[in-house]
PDB file of all heavy atoms in Angstrom:
ATOM      1  N   GLN A   1     111.951  99.967  94.278  1.00  0.00           N
ATOM      2  CA  GLN A   1     111.611  99.317  93.012  1.00  0.00           C
ATOM      3  C   GLN A   1     110.144  99.551  92.589  1.00  0.00           C
ATOM      4  O   GLN A   1     109.242  99.648  93.424  1.00  0.00           O
ATOM      5  CB  GLN A   1     111.819  97.758  93.100  1.00  0.00           C
ATOM      6  CG  GLN A   1     113.276  97.344  93.355  1.00  0.00           C
ATOM      7  CD  GLN A   1     113.510  95.935  93.456  1.00  0.00           C
ATOM      8  OE1 GLN A   1     113.017  95.095  92.582  1.00  0.00           O
ATOM      9  NE2 GLN A   1     114.185  95.458  94.506  1.00  0.00           N
ATOM     10  N   THR A   2     109.990  99.678  91.298  1.00  0.00           N
ATOM     11  CA  THR A   2     108.596  99.926  90.770  1.00  0.00           C
ATOM     12  C   THR A   2     107.826  98.610  90.811  1.00  0.00           C
ATOM     13  O   THR A   2     108.339  97.445  90.938  1.00  0.00           O
ATOM     14  CB  THR A   2     108.636 100.425  89.329  1.00  0.00           C
ATOM     15  OG1 THR A   2     109.286  99.368  88.467  1.00  0.00           O
ATOM     16  CG2 THR A   2     109.376 101.720  89.265  1.00  0.00           C
ATOM     17  N   SER A   3     106.510  98.815  90.745  1.00  0.00           N
ATOM     18  CA  SER A   3     105.538  97.548  90.782  1.00  0.00           C
ATOM     19  C   SER A   3     105.770  96.710  89.517  1.00  0.00           C
ATOM     20  O   SER A   3     105.442  95.517  89.486  1.00  0.00           O
ATOM     21  CB  SER A   3     104.143  98.037  90.870  1.00  0.00           C
ATOM     22  OG  SER A   3     103.784  98.821  89.778  1.00  0.00           O
ATOM     23  N   ARG A   4     106.428  97.267  88.465  1.00  0.00           N
ATOM     24  CA  ARG A   4     106.661  96.464  87.372  1.00  0.00           C
ATOM     25  C   ARG A   4     107.725  95.323  87.605  1.00  0.00           C
ATOM     26  O   ARG A   4     107.694  94.312  87.028  1.00  0.00           O
ATOM     27  CB  ARG A   4     107.214  97.333  86.252  1.00  0.00           C
ATOM     28  CG  ARG A   4     107.579  96.633  84.916  1.00  0.00           C
ATOM     29  CD  ARG A   4     107.997  97.639  83.858  1.00  0.00           C
ATOM     30  NE  ARG A   4     108.521  96.915  82.677  1.00  0.00           N
ATOM     31  CZ  ARG A   4     109.065  97.491  81.566  1.00  0.00           C
ATOM     32  NH1 ARG A   4     109.086  98.797  81.586  1.00  0.00           N
ATOM     33  NH2 ARG A   4     109.459  96.782  80.535  1.00  0.00           N
ATOM     34  N   PHE A   5     108.559  95.665  88.654  1.00  0.00           N
ATOM     35  CA  PHE A   5     109.629  94.623  88.948  1.00  0.00           C
ATOM     36  C   PHE A   5     109.555  94.093  90.415  1.00  0.00           C
ATOM     37  O   PHE A   5     110.296  93.152  90.662  1.00  0.00           O
ATOM     38  CB  PHE A   5     110.943  95.337  88.739  1.00  0.00           C
ATOM     39  CG  PHE A   5     111.252  95.802  87.398  1.00  0.00           C
ATOM     40  CD1 PHE A   5     111.082  97.021  86.892  1.00  0.00           C
ATOM     41  CD2 PHE A   5     111.740  94.811  86.434  1.00  0.00           C
ATOM     42  CE1 PHE A   5     111.364  97.353  85.561  1.00  0.00           C
ATOM     43  CE2 PHE A   5     111.972  95.179  85.116  1.00  0.00           C
ATOM     44  CZ  PHE A   5     111.783  96.410  84.685  1.00  0.00           C
ATOM     45  N   ALA A   6     108.721  94.659  91.233  1.00  0.00           N
ATOM     46  CA  ALA A   6     108.650  94.076  92.614  1.00  0.00           C
ATOM     47  C   ALA A   6     107.325  94.402  93.198  1.00  0.00           C
ATOM     48  O   ALA A   6     106.758  95.456  92.954  1.00  0.00           O
ATOM     49  CB  ALA A   6     109.745  94.689  93.476  1.00  0.00           C
ATOM     50  N   LYS A   7     106.767  93.457  93.970  1.00  0.00           N
ATOM     51  CA  LYS A   7     105.390  93.672  94.570  1.00  0.00           C
ATOM     52  C   LYS A   7     105.542  94.073  96.028  1.00  0.00           C
ATOM     53  O   LYS A   7     106.600  94.087  96.575  1.00  0.00           O
ATOM     54  CB  LYS A   7     104.586  92.327  94.417  1.00  0.00           C
ATOM     55  CG  LYS A   7     104.437  91.926  92.961  1.00  0.00           C
ATOM     56  CD  LYS A   7     103.845  93.018  92.058  1.00  0.00           C
ATOM     57  CE  LYS A   7     103.721  92.705  90.608  1.00  0.00           C
ATOM     58  NZ  LYS A   7     103.234  93.779  89.830  1.00  0.00           N
ATOM     59  N   GLU A   8     104.420  94.212  96.712  1.00  0.00           N
ATOM     60  CA  GLU A   8     104.376  94.655  98.015  1.00  0.00           C
ATOM     61  C   GLU A   8     105.106  93.658  98.889  1.00  0.00           C
ATOM     62  O   GLU A   8     104.870  92.464  98.755  1.00  0.00           O
ATOM     63  CB  GLU A   8     102.901  94.742  98.537  1.00  0.00           C
ATOM     64  CG  GLU A   8     102.734  95.176  99.953  1.00  0.00           C
ATOM     65  CD  GLU A   8     101.238  95.109 100.423  1.00  0.00           C
ATOM     66  OE1 GLU A   8     100.603  94.163 100.176  1.00  0.00           O
ATOM     67  OE2 GLU A   8     100.834  96.112 101.037  1.00  0.00           O
ATOM     68  N   GLY A   9     105.914  94.191  99.788  1.00  0.00           N
ATOM     69  CA  GLY A   9     106.668  93.340 100.769  1.00  0.00           C
ATOM     70  C   GLY A   9     107.917  92.686 100.245  1.00  0.00           C
ATOM     71  O   GLY A   9     108.467  91.839 100.860  1.00  0.00           O
ATOM     72  N   TYR A  10     108.412  93.216  99.117  1.00  0.00           N
ATOM     73  CA  TYR A  10     109.600  92.542  98.471  1.00  0.00           C
ATOM     74  C   TYR A  10     110.865  92.629  99.286  1.00  0.00           C
ATOM     75  O   TYR A  10     111.834  91.848  99.073  1.00  0.00           O
ATOM     76  CB  TYR A  10     109.872  93.198  97.113  1.00  0.00           C
ATOM     77  CG  TYR A  10     110.121  94.664  97.114  1.00  0.00           C
ATOM     78  CD1 TYR A  10     111.397  95.177  97.187  1.00  0.00           C
ATOM     79  CD2 TYR A  10     109.122  95.607  97.040  1.00  0.00           C
ATOM     80  CE1 TYR A  10     111.650  96.522  97.201  1.00  0.00           C
ATOM     81  CE2 TYR A  10     109.320  96.963  97.070  1.00  0.00           C
ATOM     82  CZ  TYR A  10     110.572  97.460  97.129  1.00  0.00           C
ATOM     83  OH  TYR A  10     110.804  98.816  97.197  1.00  0.00           O
ATOM     84  N   GLN A  11     110.917  93.436 100.378  1.00  0.00           N
ATOM     85  CA  GLN A  11     112.144  93.615 101.137  1.00  0.00           C
ATOM     86  C   GLN A  11     112.129  92.684 102.370  1.00  0.00           C
ATOM     87  O   GLN A  11     113.173  92.506 103.073  1.00  0.00           O
ATOM     88  CB  GLN A  11     112.343  95.026 101.685  1.00  0.00           C
ATOM     89  CG  GLN A  11     112.506  96.034 100.489  1.00  0.00           C
ATOM     90  CD  GLN A  11     113.180  97.241 100.932  1.00  0.00           C
ATOM     91  OE1 GLN A  11     113.976  97.299 101.904  1.00  0.00           O
ATOM     92  NE2 GLN A  11     112.975  98.427 100.248  1.00  0.00           N
ATOM     93  N   GLU A  12     111.007  91.990 102.591  1.00  0.00           N
ATOM     94  CA  GLU A  12     110.904  91.169 103.819  1.00  0.00           C
ATOM     95  C   GLU A  12     111.936  90.117 103.991  1.00  0.00           C
ATOM     96  O   GLU A  12     112.468  89.829 105.074  1.00  0.00           O
ATOM     97  CB  GLU A  12     109.514  90.533 103.925  1.00  0.00           C
ATOM     98  CG  GLU A  12     108.380  91.533 104.111  1.00  0.00           C
ATOM     99  CD  GLU A  12     107.033  90.889 104.198  1.00  0.00           C
ATOM    100  OE1 GLU A  12     106.898  89.690 104.556  1.00  0.00           O
ATOM    101  OE2 GLU A  12     106.034  91.631 103.779  1.00  0.00           O
ATOM    102  N   ALA A  13     112.363  89.456 102.802  1.00  0.00           N
ATOM    103  CA  ALA A  13     113.320  88.413 102.834  1.00  0.00           C
ATOM    104  C   ALA A  13     114.711  88.882 103.305  1.00  0.00           C
ATOM    105  O   ALA A  13     115.526  88.134 103.791  1.00  0.00           O
ATOM    106  CB  ALA A  13     113.470  87.750 101.517  1.00  0.00           C
ATOM    107  N   TYR A  14     114.940  90.190 103.252  1.00  0.00           N
ATOM    108  CA  TYR A  14     116.219  90.736 103.570  1.00  0.00           C
ATOM    109  C   TYR A  14     116.178  91.419 105.005  1.00  0.00           C
ATOM    110  O   TYR A  14     117.209  91.400 105.620  1.00  0.00           O
ATOM    111  CB  TYR A  14     116.585  91.848 102.515  1.00  0.00           C
ATOM    112  CG  TYR A  14     116.703  91.358 101.049  1.00  0.00           C
ATOM    113  CD1 TYR A  14     115.471  91.470 100.269  1.00  0.00           C
ATOM    114  CD2 TYR A  14     117.788  90.624 100.646  1.00  0.00           C
ATOM    115  CE1 TYR A  14     115.558  90.987  98.989  1.00  0.00           C
ATOM    116  CE2 TYR A  14     117.741  90.159  99.297  1.00  0.00           C
ATOM    117  CZ  TYR A  14     116.730  90.370  98.544  1.00  0.00           C
ATOM    118  OH  TYR A  14     116.703  89.798  97.158  1.00  0.00           O
ATOM    119  N   THR A  15     115.158  91.880 105.420  1.00  0.00           N
ATOM    120  CA  THR A  15     115.081  92.628 106.681  1.00  0.00           C
ATOM    121  C   THR A  15     114.461  91.752 107.793  1.00  0.00           C
ATOM    122  O   THR A  15     114.509  92.211 108.976  1.00  0.00           O
ATOM    123  CB  THR A  15     114.199  93.899 106.575  1.00  0.00           C
ATOM    124  OG1 THR A  15     112.825  93.504 106.126  1.00  0.00           O
ATOM    125  CG2 THR A  15     114.779  94.880 105.524  1.00  0.00           C
ATOM    126  N   GLY A  16     114.043  90.504 107.507  1.00  0.00           N
ATOM    127  CA  GLY A  16     113.306  89.750 108.497  1.00  0.00           C
ATOM    128  C   GLY A  16     114.183  89.327 109.742  1.00  0.00           C
ATOM    129  O   GLY A  16     113.712  89.089 110.790  1.00  0.00           O
ATOM    130  N   PHE A  17     115.540  89.354 109.568  1.00  0.00           N
ATOM    131  CA  PHE A  17     116.313  88.913 110.607  1.00  0.00           C
ATOM    132  C   PHE A  17     116.623  89.968 111.773  1.00  0.00           C
ATOM    133  O   PHE A  17     117.050  89.623 112.892  1.00  0.00           O
ATOM    134  CB  PHE A  17     117.778  88.498 110.064  1.00  0.00           C
ATOM    135  CG  PHE A  17     118.666  89.615 109.776  1.00  0.00           C
ATOM    136  CD1 PHE A  17     119.582  90.154 110.664  1.00  0.00           C
ATOM    137  CD2 PHE A  17     118.520  90.271 108.498  1.00  0.00           C
ATOM    138  CE1 PHE A  17     120.388  91.198 110.379  1.00  0.00           C
ATOM    139  CE2 PHE A  17     119.400  91.354 108.237  1.00  0.00           C
ATOM    140  CZ  PHE A  17     120.270  91.812 109.195  1.00  0.00           C
ATOM    141  N   VAL A  18     116.368  91.210 111.460  1.00  0.00           N
ATOM    142  CA  VAL A  18     116.850  92.260 112.291  1.00  0.00           C
ATOM    143  C   VAL A  18     116.281  92.259 113.727  1.00  0.00           C
ATOM    144  O   VAL A  18     116.988  92.340 114.679  1.00  0.00           O
ATOM    145  CB  VAL A  18     116.563  93.622 111.656  1.00  0.00           C
ATOM    146  CG1 VAL A  18     116.999  94.824 112.549  1.00  0.00           C
ATOM    147  CG2 VAL A  18     117.218  93.738 110.294  1.00  0.00           C
ATOM    148  N   LYS A  19     114.981  91.928 113.864  1.00  0.00           N
ATOM    149  CA  LYS A  19     114.429  91.801 115.193  1.00  0.00           C
ATOM    150  C   LYS A  19     114.949  90.722 115.997  1.00  0.00           C
ATOM    151  O   LYS A  19     114.948  90.823 117.271  1.00  0.00           O
ATOM    152  CB  LYS A  19     112.877  91.566 115.029  1.00  0.00           C
ATOM    153  CG  LYS A  19     112.028  92.808 114.651  1.00  0.00           C
ATOM    154  CD  LYS A  19     112.035  93.822 115.848  1.00  0.00           C
ATOM    155  CE  LYS A  19     111.187  93.296 116.983  1.00  0.00           C
ATOM    156  NZ  LYS A  19     111.235  94.209 118.168  1.00  0.00           N
ATOM    157  N   SER A  20     115.608  89.725 115.440  1.00  0.00           N
ATOM    158  CA  SER A  20     116.146  88.661 116.203  1.00  0.00           C
ATOM    159  C   SER A  20     117.507  89.024 116.878  1.00  0.00           C
ATOM    160  O   SER A  20     117.955  88.322 117.749  1.00  0.00           O
ATOM    161  CB  SER A  20     116.356  87.401 115.310  1.00  0.00           C
ATOM    162  OG  SER A  20     117.383  87.619 114.333  1.00  0.00           O
ATOM    163  N   VAL A  21     118.084  90.145 116.434  1.00  0.00           N
ATOM    164  CA  VAL A  21     119.440  90.496 117.010  1.00  0.00           C
ATOM    165  C   VAL A  21     119.395  91.865 117.682  1.00  0.00           C
ATOM    166  O   VAL A  21     120.492  92.321 118.101  1.00  0.00           O
ATOM    167  CB  VAL A  21     120.477  90.475 115.905  1.00  0.00           C
ATOM    168  CG1 VAL A  21     120.711  89.076 115.373  1.00  0.00           C
ATOM    169  CG2 VAL A  21     120.177  91.400 114.805  1.00  0.00           C
ATOM    170  N   THR A  22     118.239  92.457 117.941  1.00  0.00           N
ATOM    171  CA  THR A  22     118.229  93.736 118.744  1.00  0.00           C
ATOM    172  C   THR A  22     116.818  93.779 119.460  1.00  0.00           C
ATOM    173  O   THR A  22     115.817  93.245 118.952  1.00  0.00           O
ATOM    174  CB  THR A  22     118.308  94.897 117.802  1.00  0.00           C
ATOM    175  OG1 THR A  22     118.192  96.173 118.665  1.00  0.00           O
ATOM    176  CG2 THR A  22     117.309  94.992 116.762  1.00  0.00           C
ATOM    177  N   THR A  23     116.898  94.457 120.571  1.00  0.00           N
ATOM    178  CA  THR A  23     115.564  94.677 121.303  1.00  0.00           C
ATOM    179  C   THR A  23     115.070  95.983 120.984  1.00  0.00           C
ATOM    180  O   THR A  23     113.957  96.322 121.405  1.00  0.00           O
ATOM    181  CB  THR A  23     115.914  94.612 122.912  1.00  0.00           C
ATOM    182  OG1 THR A  23     116.698  95.654 123.258  1.00  0.00           O
ATOM    183  CG2 THR A  23     116.472  93.306 123.283  1.00  0.00           C
ATOM    184  N   LYS A  24     115.753  96.825 120.217  1.00  0.00           N
ATOM    185  CA  LYS A  24     115.289  98.159 119.873  1.00  0.00           C
ATOM    186  C   LYS A  24     114.167  98.079 118.764  1.00  0.00           C
ATOM    187  O   LYS A  24     114.189  97.164 117.934  1.00  0.00           O
ATOM    188  CB  LYS A  24     116.483  99.004 119.423  1.00  0.00           C
ATOM    189  CG  LYS A  24     117.487  99.208 120.514  1.00  0.00           C
ATOM    190  CD  LYS A  24     116.871  99.840 121.724  1.00  0.00           C
ATOM    191  CE  LYS A  24     117.876  99.990 122.881  1.00  0.00           C
ATOM    192  NZ  LYS A  24     118.777 101.156 122.710  1.00  0.00           N
ATOM    193  N   PRO A  25     113.324  99.084 118.666  1.00  0.00           N
ATOM    194  CA  PRO A  25     112.299  99.093 117.631  1.00  0.00           C
ATOM    195  C   PRO A  25     112.863  99.003 116.257  1.00  0.00           C
ATOM    196  O   PRO A  25     113.973  99.668 115.988  1.00  0.00           O
ATOM    197  CB  PRO A  25     111.540 100.402 117.891  1.00  0.00           C
ATOM    198  CG  PRO A  25     111.840 100.786 119.256  1.00  0.00           C
ATOM    199  CD  PRO A  25     113.257 100.230 119.543  1.00  0.00           C
ATOM    200  N   VAL A  26     112.220  98.389 115.374  1.00  0.00           N
ATOM    201  CA  VAL A  26     112.662  98.252 113.942  1.00  0.00           C
ATOM    202  C   VAL A  26     111.602  98.729 112.962  1.00  0.00           C
ATOM    203  O   VAL A  26     110.494  98.382 113.147  1.00  0.00           O
ATOM    204  CB  VAL A  26     113.059  96.791 113.609  1.00  0.00           C
ATOM    205  CG1 VAL A  26     113.419  96.630 112.112  1.00  0.00           C
ATOM    206  CG2 VAL A  26     114.153  96.268 114.496  1.00  0.00           C
ATOM    207  N   VAL A  27     112.010  99.586 112.034  1.00  0.00           N
ATOM    208  CA  VAL A  27     111.091 100.018 111.061  1.00  0.00           C
ATOM    209  C   VAL A  27     111.624  99.579 109.699  1.00  0.00           C
ATOM    210  O   VAL A  27     112.890  99.624 109.455  1.00  0.00           O
ATOM    211  CB  VAL A  27     110.943 101.551 111.063  1.00  0.00           C
ATOM    212  CG1 VAL A  27     112.151 102.328 110.881  1.00  0.00           C
ATOM    213  CG2 VAL A  27     109.898 102.007 109.959  1.00  0.00           C
ATOM    214  N   GLY A  28     110.769  99.216 108.770  1.00  0.00           N
ATOM    215  CA  GLY A  28     111.151  98.831 107.374  1.00  0.00           C
ATOM    216  C   GLY A  28     110.086  99.151 106.422  1.00  0.00           C
ATOM    217  O   GLY A  28     108.923  99.445 106.811  1.00  0.00           O
ATOM    218  N   VAL A  29     110.413  99.011 105.198  1.00  0.00           N
ATOM    219  CA  VAL A  29     109.511  99.435 104.145  1.00  0.00           C
ATOM    220  C   VAL A  29     109.327  98.239 103.148  1.00  0.00           C
ATOM    221  O   VAL A  29     109.912  97.263 103.232  1.00  0.00           O
ATOM    222  CB  VAL A  29     110.019 100.659 103.342  1.00  0.00           C
ATOM    223  CG1 VAL A  29     110.084 101.842 104.242  1.00  0.00           C
ATOM    224  CG2 VAL A  29     111.357 100.345 102.693  1.00  0.00           C
ATOM    225  N   GLY A  30     108.281  98.412 102.299  1.00  0.00           N
ATOM    226  CA  GLY A  30     107.955  97.415 101.241  1.00  0.00           C
ATOM    227  C   GLY A  30     106.781  97.815 100.452  1.00  0.00           C
ATOM    228  O   GLY A  30     106.040  97.057  99.914  1.00  0.00           O
ATOM    229  N   ARG A  31     106.546  99.174 100.376  1.00  0.00           N
ATOM    230  CA  ARG A  31     105.422  99.671  99.635  1.00  0.00           C
ATOM    231  C   ARG A  31     104.049  99.106 100.118  1.00  0.00           C
ATOM    232  O   ARG A  31     103.200  98.652  99.350  1.00  0.00           O
ATOM    233  CB  ARG A  31     105.518  99.493  98.082  1.00  0.00           C
ATOM    234  CG  ARG A  31     104.785 100.551  97.294  1.00  0.00           C
ATOM    235  CD  ARG A  31     105.239 100.529  95.883  1.00  0.00           C
ATOM    236  NE  ARG A  31     105.318  99.276  95.230  1.00  0.00           N
ATOM    237  CZ  ARG A  31     104.235  98.563  94.775  1.00  0.00           C
ATOM    238  NH1 ARG A  31     103.016  99.065  94.868  1.00  0.00           N
ATOM    239  NH2 ARG A  31     104.438  97.405  94.209  1.00  0.00           N
ATOM    240  N   TYR A  32     103.959  99.154 101.495  1.00  0.00           N
ATOM    241  CA  TYR A  32     102.765  98.490 102.111  1.00  0.00           C
ATOM    242  C   TYR A  32     101.507  99.447 102.051  1.00  0.00           C
ATOM    243  O   TYR A  32     101.642 100.565 102.465  1.00  0.00           O
ATOM    244  CB  TYR A  32     103.093  98.175 103.566  1.00  0.00           C
ATOM    245  CG  TYR A  32     104.168  97.179 103.750  1.00  0.00           C
ATOM    246  CD1 TYR A  32     105.367  97.539 104.386  1.00  0.00           C
ATOM    247  CD2 TYR A  32     104.106  95.899 103.338  1.00  0.00           C
ATOM    248  CE1 TYR A  32     106.407  96.625 104.578  1.00  0.00           C
ATOM    249  CE2 TYR A  32     105.112  94.969 103.481  1.00  0.00           C
ATOM    250  CZ  TYR A  32     106.309  95.342 104.122  1.00  0.00           C
ATOM    251  OH  TYR A  32     107.284  94.466 104.309  1.00  0.00           O
ATOM    252  N   THR A  33     100.442  98.849 101.538  1.00  0.00           N
ATOM    253  CA  THR A  33      99.187  99.579 101.451  1.00  0.00           C
ATOM    254  C   THR A  33      98.062  98.804 102.178  1.00  0.00           C
ATOM    255  O   THR A  33      97.039  99.302 102.494  1.00  0.00           O
ATOM    256  CB  THR A  33      98.765  99.880 100.030  1.00  0.00           C
ATOM    257  OG1 THR A  33      98.586  98.620  99.288  1.00  0.00           O
ATOM    258  CG2 THR A  33      99.823 100.696  99.353  1.00  0.00           C
ATOM    259  N   SER A  34      98.309  97.513 102.416  1.00  0.00           N
ATOM    260  CA  SER A  34      97.265  96.725 103.001  1.00  0.00           C
ATOM    261  C   SER A  34      97.384  96.624 104.522  1.00  0.00           C
ATOM    262  O   SER A  34      98.473  96.210 105.069  1.00  0.00           O
ATOM    263  CB  SER A  34      97.323  95.223 102.487  1.00  0.00           C
ATOM    264  OG  SER A  34      96.680  94.328 103.327  1.00  0.00           O
ATOM    265  N   PRO A  35      96.364  97.020 105.300  1.00  0.00           N
ATOM    266  CA  PRO A  35      96.496  96.959 106.776  1.00  0.00           C
ATOM    267  C   PRO A  35      96.647  95.545 107.252  1.00  0.00           C
ATOM    268  O   PRO A  35      97.203  95.341 108.318  1.00  0.00           O
ATOM    269  CB  PRO A  35      95.187  97.594 107.260  1.00  0.00           C
ATOM    270  CG  PRO A  35      94.213  97.548 106.125  1.00  0.00           C
ATOM    271  CD  PRO A  35      95.087  97.631 104.889  1.00  0.00           C
ATOM    272  N   ASP A  36      96.127  94.585 106.577  1.00  0.00           N
ATOM    273  CA  ASP A  36      96.226  93.148 106.881  1.00  0.00           C
ATOM    274  C   ASP A  36      97.700  92.749 106.924  1.00  0.00           C
ATOM    275  O   ASP A  36      98.209  92.028 107.762  1.00  0.00           O
ATOM    276  CB  ASP A  36      95.404  92.263 106.038  1.00  0.00           C
ATOM    277  CG  ASP A  36      93.878  92.478 106.208  1.00  0.00           C
ATOM    278  OD1 ASP A  36      93.417  92.667 107.425  1.00  0.00           O
ATOM    279  OD2 ASP A  36      93.183  92.525 105.224  1.00  0.00           O
ATOM    280  N   THR A  37      98.412  93.231 105.879  1.00  0.00           N
ATOM    281  CA  THR A  37      99.872  92.887 105.768  1.00  0.00           C
ATOM    282  C   THR A  37     100.558  93.546 106.920  1.00  0.00           C
ATOM    283  O   THR A  37     101.464  92.927 107.504  1.00  0.00           O
ATOM    284  CB  THR A  37     100.378  93.372 104.435  1.00  0.00           C
ATOM    285  OG1 THR A  37      99.675  92.667 103.384  1.00  0.00           O
ATOM    286  CG2 THR A  37     101.881  93.067 104.290  1.00  0.00           C
ATOM    287  N   MET A  38     100.194  94.812 107.232  1.00  0.00           N
ATOM    288  CA  MET A  38     100.899  95.548 108.258  1.00  0.00           C
ATOM    289  C   MET A  38     100.743  94.817 109.617  1.00  0.00           C
ATOM    290  O   MET A  38     101.689  94.655 110.337  1.00  0.00           O
ATOM    291  CB  MET A  38     100.224  96.950 108.411  1.00  0.00           C
ATOM    292  CG  MET A  38     100.422  97.803 107.119  1.00  0.00           C
ATOM    293  SD  MET A  38      99.593  99.392 107.389  1.00  0.00           S
ATOM    294  CE  MET A  38      99.745 100.014 105.685  1.00  0.00           C
ATOM    295  N   VAL A  39      99.524  94.330 109.919  1.00  0.00           N
ATOM    296  CA  VAL A  39      99.264  93.625 111.133  1.00  0.00           C
ATOM    297  C   VAL A  39     100.108  92.342 111.140  1.00  0.00           C
ATOM    298  O   VAL A  39     100.697  91.941 112.214  1.00  0.00           O
ATOM    299  CB  VAL A  39      97.744  93.339 111.268  1.00  0.00           C
ATOM    300  CG1 VAL A  39      97.500  92.325 112.425  1.00  0.00           C
ATOM    301  CG2 VAL A  39      97.036  94.550 111.502  1.00  0.00           C
ATOM    302  N   ARG A  40     100.115  91.615 110.030  1.00  0.00           N
ATOM    303  CA  ARG A  40     100.931  90.383 110.017  1.00  0.00           C
ATOM    304  C   ARG A  40     102.403  90.702 110.334  1.00  0.00           C
ATOM    305  O   ARG A  40     103.001  89.947 111.077  1.00  0.00           O
ATOM    306  CB  ARG A  40     100.851  89.777 108.611  1.00  0.00           C
ATOM    307  CG  ARG A  40     101.744  88.558 108.384  1.00  0.00           C
ATOM    308  CD  ARG A  40     101.634  87.949 106.952  1.00  0.00           C
ATOM    309  NE  ARG A  40     101.993  88.944 105.930  1.00  0.00           N
ATOM    310  CZ  ARG A  40     103.267  89.180 105.551  1.00  0.00           C
ATOM    311  NH1 ARG A  40     104.269  88.586 106.180  1.00  0.00           N
ATOM    312  NH2 ARG A  40     103.495  90.004 104.584  1.00  0.00           N
ATOM    313  N   LEU A  41     102.968  91.731 109.846  1.00  0.00           N
ATOM    314  CA  LEU A  41     104.367  91.980 110.016  1.00  0.00           C
ATOM    315  C   LEU A  41     104.624  92.309 111.562  1.00  0.00           C
ATOM    316  O   LEU A  41     105.735  91.980 111.994  1.00  0.00           O
ATOM    317  CB  LEU A  41     104.808  93.239 109.140  1.00  0.00           C
ATOM    318  CG  LEU A  41     104.850  92.992 107.642  1.00  0.00           C
ATOM    319  CD1 LEU A  41     104.958  94.344 106.900  1.00  0.00           C
ATOM    320  CD2 LEU A  41     106.028  92.133 107.248  1.00  0.00           C
ATOM    321  N   ILE A  42     103.742  93.016 112.182  1.00  0.00           N
ATOM    322  CA  ILE A  42     103.930  93.291 113.566  1.00  0.00           C
ATOM    323  C   ILE A  42     103.764  92.113 114.442  1.00  0.00           C
ATOM    324  O   ILE A  42     104.523  91.776 115.298  1.00  0.00           O
ATOM    325  CB  ILE A  42     102.755  94.322 114.042  1.00  0.00           C
ATOM    326  CG1 ILE A  42     102.899  95.579 113.231  1.00  0.00           C
ATOM    327  CG2 ILE A  42     102.978  94.651 115.540  1.00  0.00           C
ATOM    328  CD1 ILE A  42     104.296  96.353 113.357  1.00  0.00           C
ATOM    329  N   LYS A  43     102.773  91.250 114.110  1.00  0.00           N
ATOM    330  CA  LYS A  43     102.455  90.082 114.971  1.00  0.00           C
ATOM    331  C   LYS A  43     103.504  88.983 114.735  1.00  0.00           C
ATOM    332  O   LYS A  43     103.784  88.307 115.764  1.00  0.00           O
ATOM    333  CB  LYS A  43     101.138  89.507 114.603  1.00  0.00           C
ATOM    334  CG  LYS A  43      99.921  90.340 115.158  1.00  0.00           C
ATOM    335  CD  LYS A  43      98.601  89.647 114.894  1.00  0.00           C
ATOM    336  CE  LYS A  43      97.508  90.384 115.591  1.00  0.00           C
ATOM    337  NZ  LYS A  43      96.205  89.708 115.407  1.00  0.00           N
TER     338      LYS A  43
END
């Protein structure tokens, strides 16, 4: 989605559950440009 219709991290509400049901590494997107946001997602 373009920034006109969605901001950074707009997919988090949909992908947030995945880590709770698998031990395997998970990668996701959200047009992330802020390292602080990246760290938050990992932690």
